[in-house]
PDB file of N, CA and C in Angstrom:
ATOM      1  N   UNK A   1      89.282  32.077  85.653  1.00  0.00           N
ATOM      2  CA  UNK A   1      90.437  32.955  85.775  1.00  0.00           C
ATOM      3  C   UNK A   1      91.610  32.324  85.049  1.00  0.00           C
ATOM      4  N   UNK A   2      92.783  32.856  85.229  1.00  0.00           N
ATOM      5  CA  UNK A   2      93.982  32.415  84.509  1.00  0.00           C
ATOM      6  C   UNK A   2      94.560  31.178  85.164  1.00  0.00           C
ATOM      7  N   UNK A   3      94.122  30.034  84.755  1.00  0.00           N
ATOM      8  CA  UNK A   3      94.558  28.790  85.386  1.00  0.00           C
ATOM      9  C   UNK A   3      96.016  28.478  85.117  1.00  0.00           C
ATOM     10  N   UNK A   4      96.572  29.023  84.041  1.00  0.00           N
ATOM     11  CA  UNK A   4      97.964  28.713  83.737  1.00  0.00           C
ATOM     12  C   UNK A   4      98.943  29.607  84.493  1.00  0.00           C
ATOM     13  N   UNK A   5      98.445  30.576  85.244  1.00  0.00           N
ATOM     14  CA  UNK A   5      99.320  31.410  86.054  1.00  0.00           C
ATOM     15  C   UNK A   5      99.542  30.687  87.373  1.00  0.00           C
ATOM     16  N   UNK A   6     100.817  30.417  87.674  1.00  0.00           N
ATOM     17  CA  UNK A   6     101.126  29.689  88.897  1.00  0.00           C
ATOM     18  C   UNK A   6     101.370  30.654  90.057  1.00  0.00           C
ATOM     19  N   UNK A   7     101.234  30.152  91.260  1.00  0.00           N
ATOM     20  CA  UNK A   7     101.524  30.942  92.462  1.00  0.00           C
ATOM     21  C   UNK A   7     103.023  31.199  92.489  1.00  0.00           C
ATOM     22  N   UNK A   8     103.414  32.463  92.648  1.00  0.00           N
ATOM     23  CA  UNK A   8     104.825  32.821  92.624  1.00  0.00           C
ATOM     24  C   UNK A   8     105.400  33.070  94.021  1.00  0.00           C
ATOM     25  N   UNK A   9     104.563  33.352  94.982  1.00  0.00           N
ATOM     26  CA  UNK A   9     105.037  33.597  96.347  1.00  0.00           C
ATOM     27  C   UNK A   9     105.526  32.287  96.952  1.00  0.00           C
ATOM     28  N   UNK A  10     106.710  32.321  97.531  1.00  0.00           N
ATOM     29  CA  UNK A  10     107.327  31.159  98.173  1.00  0.00           C
ATOM     30  C   UNK A  10     107.492  29.964  97.227  1.00  0.00           C
ATOM     31  N   UNK A  11     107.667  30.254  95.949  1.00  0.00           N
ATOM     32  CA  UNK A  11     107.849  29.183  94.961  1.00  0.00           C
ATOM     33  C   UNK A  11     109.209  28.521  95.155  1.00  0.00           C
ATOM     34  N   UNK A  12     109.272  27.250  94.867  1.00  0.00           N
ATOM     35  CA  UNK A  12     110.534  26.503  94.903  1.00  0.00           C
ATOM     36  C   UNK A  12     110.770  25.904  93.530  1.00  0.00           C
ATOM     37  N   UNK A  13     111.788  26.292  92.831  1.00  0.00           N
ATOM     38  CA  UNK A  13     112.759  27.330  93.178  1.00  0.00           C
ATOM     39  C   UNK A  13     112.094  28.698  93.147  1.00  0.00           C
ATOM     40  N   UNK A  14     112.723  29.706  93.754  1.00  0.00           N
ATOM     41  CA  UNK A  14     112.119  31.044  93.805  1.00  0.00           C
ATOM     42  C   UNK A  14     111.775  31.586  92.416  1.00  0.00           C
ATOM     43  N   UNK A  15     110.704  32.343  92.360  1.00  0.00           N
ATOM     44  CA  UNK A  15     110.261  32.942  91.100  1.00  0.00           C
ATOM     45  C   UNK A  15     111.316  33.913  90.581  1.00  0.00           C
ATOM     46  N   UNK A  16     111.535  33.863  89.294  1.00  0.00           N
ATOM     47  CA  UNK A  16     112.480  34.758  88.643  1.00  0.00           C
ATOM     48  C   UNK A  16     111.726  35.959  88.071  1.00  0.00           C
ATOM     49  N   UNK A  17     112.446  37.017  87.696  1.00  0.00           N
ATOM     50  CA  UNK A  17     111.782  38.132  87.021  1.00  0.00           C
ATOM     51  C   UNK A  17     111.059  37.674  85.743  1.00  0.00           C
ATOM     52  N   UNK A  18     111.609  36.675  85.084  1.00  0.00           N
ATOM     53  CA  UNK A  18     110.961  36.138  83.878  1.00  0.00           C
ATOM     54  C   UNK A  18     109.638  35.457  84.219  1.00  0.00           C
ATOM     55  N   UNK A  19     109.577  34.782  85.371  1.00  0.00           N
ATOM     56  CA  UNK A  19     108.327  34.158  85.818  1.00  0.00           C
ATOM     57  C   UNK A  19     107.262  35.218  86.078  1.00  0.00           C
ATOM     58  N   UNK A  20     107.667  36.309  86.706  1.00  0.00           N
ATOM     59  CA  UNK A  20     106.733  37.398  87.011  1.00  0.00           C
ATOM     60  C   UNK A  20     106.228  38.014  85.708  1.00  0.00           C
ATOM     61  N   UNK A  21     107.125  38.240  84.767  1.00  0.00           N
ATOM     62  CA  UNK A  21     106.737  38.818  83.476  1.00  0.00           C
ATOM     63  C   UNK A  21     105.789  37.878  82.722  1.00  0.00           C
ATOM     64  N   UNK A  22     106.084  36.594  82.732  1.00  0.00           N
ATOM     65  CA  UNK A  22     105.227  35.620  82.041  1.00  0.00           C
ATOM     66  C   UNK A  22     103.831  35.593  82.646  1.00  0.00           C
ATOM     67  N   UNK A  23     103.743  35.677  83.962  1.00  0.00           N
ATOM     68  CA  UNK A  23     102.428  35.693  84.620  1.00  0.00           C
ATOM     69  C   UNK A  23     101.671  36.961  84.253  1.00  0.00           C
ATOM     70  N   UNK A  24     102.372  38.091  84.222  1.00  0.00           N
ATOM     71  CA  UNK A  24     101.733  39.358  83.849  1.00  0.00           C
ATOM     72  C   UNK A  24     101.238  39.299  82.410  1.00  0.00           C
ATOM     73  N   UNK A  25     102.056  38.753  81.536  1.00  0.00           N
ATOM     74  CA  UNK A  25     101.666  38.640  80.128  1.00  0.00           C
ATOM     75  C   UNK A  25     100.438  37.742  79.967  1.00  0.00           C
ATOM     76  N   UNK A  26     100.415  36.635  80.678  1.00  0.00           N
ATOM     77  CA  UNK A  26      99.264  35.729  80.599  1.00  0.00           C
ATOM     78  C   UNK A  26      98.005  36.407  81.125  1.00  0.00           C
ATOM     79  N   UNK A  27      98.152  37.188  82.211  1.00  0.00           N
ATOM     80  CA  UNK A  27      97.014  37.919  82.770  1.00  0.00           C
ATOM     81  C   UNK A  27      96.464  38.916  81.749  1.00  0.00           C
ATOM     82  N   UNK A  28      97.345  39.674  81.113  1.00  0.00           N
ATOM     83  CA  UNK A  28      96.907  40.660  80.119  1.00  0.00           C
ATOM     84  C   UNK A  28      96.275  39.960  78.924  1.00  0.00           C
ATOM     85  N   UNK A  29      96.833  38.830  78.511  1.00  0.00           N
ATOM     86  CA  UNK A  29      96.216  38.061  77.425  1.00  0.00           C
ATOM     87  C   UNK A  29      94.787  37.672  77.778  1.00  0.00           C
ATOM     88  N   UNK A  30      94.610  37.201  78.992  1.00  0.00           N
ATOM     89  CA  UNK A  30      93.293  36.727  79.415  1.00  0.00           C
ATOM     90  C   UNK A  30      92.277  37.861  79.451  1.00  0.00           C
ATOM     91  N   UNK A  31      92.638  38.983  80.092  1.00  0.00           N
ATOM     92  CA  UNK A  31      91.643  40.044  80.240  1.00  0.00           C
ATOM     93  C   UNK A  31      91.415  40.824  78.953  1.00  0.00           C
ATOM     94  N   UNK A  32      92.434  40.855  78.051  1.00  0.00           N
ATOM     95  CA  UNK A  32      92.266  41.582  76.795  1.00  0.00           C
ATOM     96  C   UNK A  32      91.614  40.732  75.710  1.00  0.00           C
ATOM     97  N   UNK A  33      91.738  39.424  75.851  1.00  0.00           N
ATOM     98  CA  UNK A  33      91.210  38.540  74.819  1.00  0.00           C
ATOM     99  C   UNK A  33      92.168  38.354  73.653  1.00  0.00           C
ATOM    100  N   UNK A  34      93.389  38.890  73.772  1.00  0.00           N
ATOM    101  CA  UNK A  34      94.382  38.765  72.711  1.00  0.00           C
ATOM    102  C   UNK A  34      95.477  37.788  73.117  1.00  0.00           C
ATOM    103  N   UNK A  35      95.751  36.812  72.276  1.00  0.00           N
ATOM    104  CA  UNK A  35      96.946  36.003  72.469  1.00  0.00           C
ATOM    105  C   UNK A  35      98.135  36.803  71.962  1.00  0.00           C
ATOM    106  N   UNK A  36      97.919  37.505  70.852  1.00  0.00           N
ATOM    107  CA  UNK A  36      98.903  38.424  70.295  1.00  0.00           C
ATOM    108  C   UNK A  36      98.107  39.618  69.783  1.00  0.00           C
ATOM    109  N   UNK A  37      98.374  40.803  70.340  1.00  0.00           N
ATOM    110  CA  UNK A  37      97.582  41.963  69.929  1.00  0.00           C
ATOM    111  C   UNK A  37      97.914  42.411  68.505  1.00  0.00           C
ATOM    112  N   UNK A  38      96.978  43.125  67.908  1.00  0.00           N
ATOM    113  CA  UNK A  38      97.231  43.722  66.598  1.00  0.00           C
ATOM    114  C   UNK A  38      98.261  44.839  66.766  1.00  0.00           C
ATOM    115  N   UNK A  39      98.828  45.277  65.670  1.00  0.00           N
ATOM    116  CA  UNK A  39      99.792  46.388  65.742  1.00  0.00           C
ATOM    117  C   UNK A  39      99.167  47.611  66.386  1.00  0.00           C
ATOM    118  N   UNK A  40      97.904  47.836  66.093  1.00  0.00           N
ATOM    119  CA  UNK A  40      97.184  48.990  66.640  1.00  0.00           C
ATOM    120  C   UNK A  40      97.120  48.936  68.165  1.00  0.00           C
ATOM    121  N   UNK A  41      97.003  47.740  68.730  1.00  0.00           N
ATOM    122  CA  UNK A  41      96.852  47.578  70.177  1.00  0.00           C
ATOM    123  C   UNK A  41      98.119  47.102  70.883  1.00  0.00           C
ATOM    124  N   UNK A  42      99.190  46.888  70.142  1.00  0.00           N
ATOM    125  CA  UNK A  42     100.406  46.328  70.716  1.00  0.00           C
ATOM    126  C   UNK A  42     101.026  47.217  71.794  1.00  0.00           C
ATOM    127  N   UNK A  43     101.052  48.510  71.586  1.00  0.00           N
ATOM    128  CA  UNK A  43     101.653  49.417  72.567  1.00  0.00           C
ATOM    129  C   UNK A  43     100.884  49.379  73.892  1.00  0.00           C
ATOM    130  N   UNK A  44      99.568  49.432  73.825  1.00  0.00           N
ATOM    131  CA  UNK A  44      98.751  49.380  75.042  1.00  0.00           C
ATOM    132  C   UNK A  44      98.919  48.040  75.751  1.00  0.00           C
ATOM    133  N   UNK A  45      98.952  46.966  74.990  1.00  0.00           N
ATOM    134  CA  UNK A  45      99.133  45.623  75.531  1.00  0.00           C
ATOM    135  C   UNK A  45     100.465  45.523  76.268  1.00  0.00           C
ATOM    136  N   UNK A  46     101.553  45.949  75.606  1.00  0.00           N
ATOM    137  CA  UNK A  46     102.885  45.872  76.204  1.00  0.00           C
ATOM    138  C   UNK A  46     103.021  46.769  77.426  1.00  0.00           C
ATOM    139  N   UNK A  47     102.393  47.923  77.396  1.00  0.00           N
ATOM    140  CA  UNK A  47     102.428  48.817  78.557  1.00  0.00           C
ATOM    141  C   UNK A  47     101.706  48.186  79.742  1.00  0.00           C
ATOM    142  N   UNK A  48     100.585  47.538  79.487  1.00  0.00           N
ATOM    143  CA  UNK A  48      99.865  46.858  80.565  1.00  0.00           C
ATOM    144  C   UNK A  48     100.716  45.737  81.157  1.00  0.00           C
ATOM    145  N   UNK A  49     101.390  44.981  80.314  1.00  0.00           N
ATOM    146  CA  UNK A  49     102.267  43.907  80.800  1.00  0.00           C
ATOM    147  C   UNK A  49     103.369  44.502  81.672  1.00  0.00           C
ATOM    148  N   UNK A  50     103.978  45.597  81.227  1.00  0.00           N
ATOM    149  CA  UNK A  50     105.049  46.236  81.984  1.00  0.00           C
ATOM    150  C   UNK A  50     104.553  46.714  83.347  1.00  0.00           C
ATOM    151  N   UNK A  51     103.416  47.385  83.364  1.00  0.00           N
ATOM    152  CA  UNK A  51     102.874  47.898  84.628  1.00  0.00           C
ATOM    153  C   UNK A  51     102.518  46.768  85.589  1.00  0.00           C
ATOM    154  N   UNK A  52     101.914  45.724  85.092  1.00  0.00           N
ATOM    155  CA  UNK A  52     101.526  44.606  85.942  1.00  0.00           C
ATOM    156  C   UNK A  52     102.758  43.853  86.434  1.00  0.00           C
ATOM    157  N   UNK A  53     103.771  43.728  85.584  1.00  0.00           N
ATOM    158  CA  UNK A  53     105.021  43.094  86.008  1.00  0.00           C
ATOM    159  C   UNK A  53     105.629  43.865  87.171  1.00  0.00           C
ATOM    160  N   UNK A  54     105.692  45.189  87.051  1.00  0.00           N
ATOM    161  CA  UNK A  54     106.249  46.022  88.121  1.00  0.00           C
ATOM    162  C   UNK A  54     105.445  45.878  89.412  1.00  0.00           C
ATOM    163  N   UNK A  55     104.136  45.945  89.303  1.00  0.00           N
ATOM    164  CA  UNK A  55     103.277  45.834  90.488  1.00  0.00           C
ATOM    165  C   UNK A  55     103.410  44.468  91.149  1.00  0.00           C
ATOM    166  N   UNK A  56     103.449  43.433  90.335  1.00  0.00           N
ATOM    167  CA  UNK A  56     103.574  42.078  90.886  1.00  0.00           C
ATOM    168  C   UNK A  56     104.921  41.895  91.575  1.00  0.00           C
ATOM    169  N   UNK A  57     105.981  42.426  90.985  1.00  0.00           N
ATOM    170  CA  UNK A  57     107.308  42.320  91.601  1.00  0.00           C
ATOM    171  C   UNK A  57     107.339  43.056  92.939  1.00  0.00           C
ATOM    172  N   UNK A  58     106.724  44.227  93.002  1.00  0.00           N
ATOM    173  CA  UNK A  58     106.650  44.983  94.264  1.00  0.00           C
ATOM    174  C   UNK A  58     105.858  44.200  95.308  1.00  0.00           C
ATOM    175  N   UNK A  59     104.760  43.613  94.895  1.00  0.00           N
ATOM    176  CA  UNK A  59     103.941  42.827  95.805  1.00  0.00           C
ATOM    177  C   UNK A  59     104.748  41.652  96.374  1.00  0.00           C
ATOM    178  N   UNK A  60     105.394  40.901  95.498  1.00  0.00           N
ATOM    179  CA  UNK A  60     106.170  39.751  95.950  1.00  0.00           C
ATOM    180  C   UNK A  60     107.296  40.172  96.886  1.00  0.00           C
ATOM    181  N   UNK A  61     107.954  41.277  96.591  1.00  0.00           N
ATOM    182  CA  UNK A  61     109.031  41.759  97.447  1.00  0.00           C
ATOM    183  C   UNK A  61     108.515  42.136  98.827  1.00  0.00           C
ATOM    184  N   UNK A  62     107.355  42.770  98.870  1.00  0.00           N
ATOM    185  CA  UNK A  62     106.825  43.176 100.183  1.00  0.00           C
ATOM    186  C   UNK A  62     106.275  41.990 100.971  1.00  0.00           C
ATOM    187  N   UNK A  63     105.770  40.961 100.304  1.00  0.00           N
ATOM    188  CA  UNK A  63     105.244  39.794 100.999  1.00  0.00           C
ATOM    189  C   UNK A  63     106.354  38.909 101.550  1.00  0.00           C
ATOM    190  N   UNK A  64     107.495  38.901 100.913  1.00  0.00           N
ATOM    191  CA  UNK A  64     108.588  38.032 101.321  1.00  0.00           C
ATOM    192  C   UNK A  64     109.448  38.638 102.415  1.00  0.00           C
ATOM    193  N   UNK A  65     109.147  39.831 102.856  1.00  0.00           N
ATOM    194  CA  UNK A  65     109.940  40.465 103.911  1.00  0.00           C
ATOM    195  C   UNK A  65     109.494  40.025 105.268  1.00  0.00           C
TER     196      UNK A  65
END
């Protein structure tokens, strides 16, 4: 799995939105096999990163309550 993705829940210092985005980007890189997508696949890649970032942020917000 994505060994370079760190645990963000209860992180010290607290995870920033940039940390969440970086983890989402690394996840999409891993599952897509692209470190940098081609122009043809860039839109799909970026959309996946955006969706995963949003979902991860929602998850972290609900777990920290």
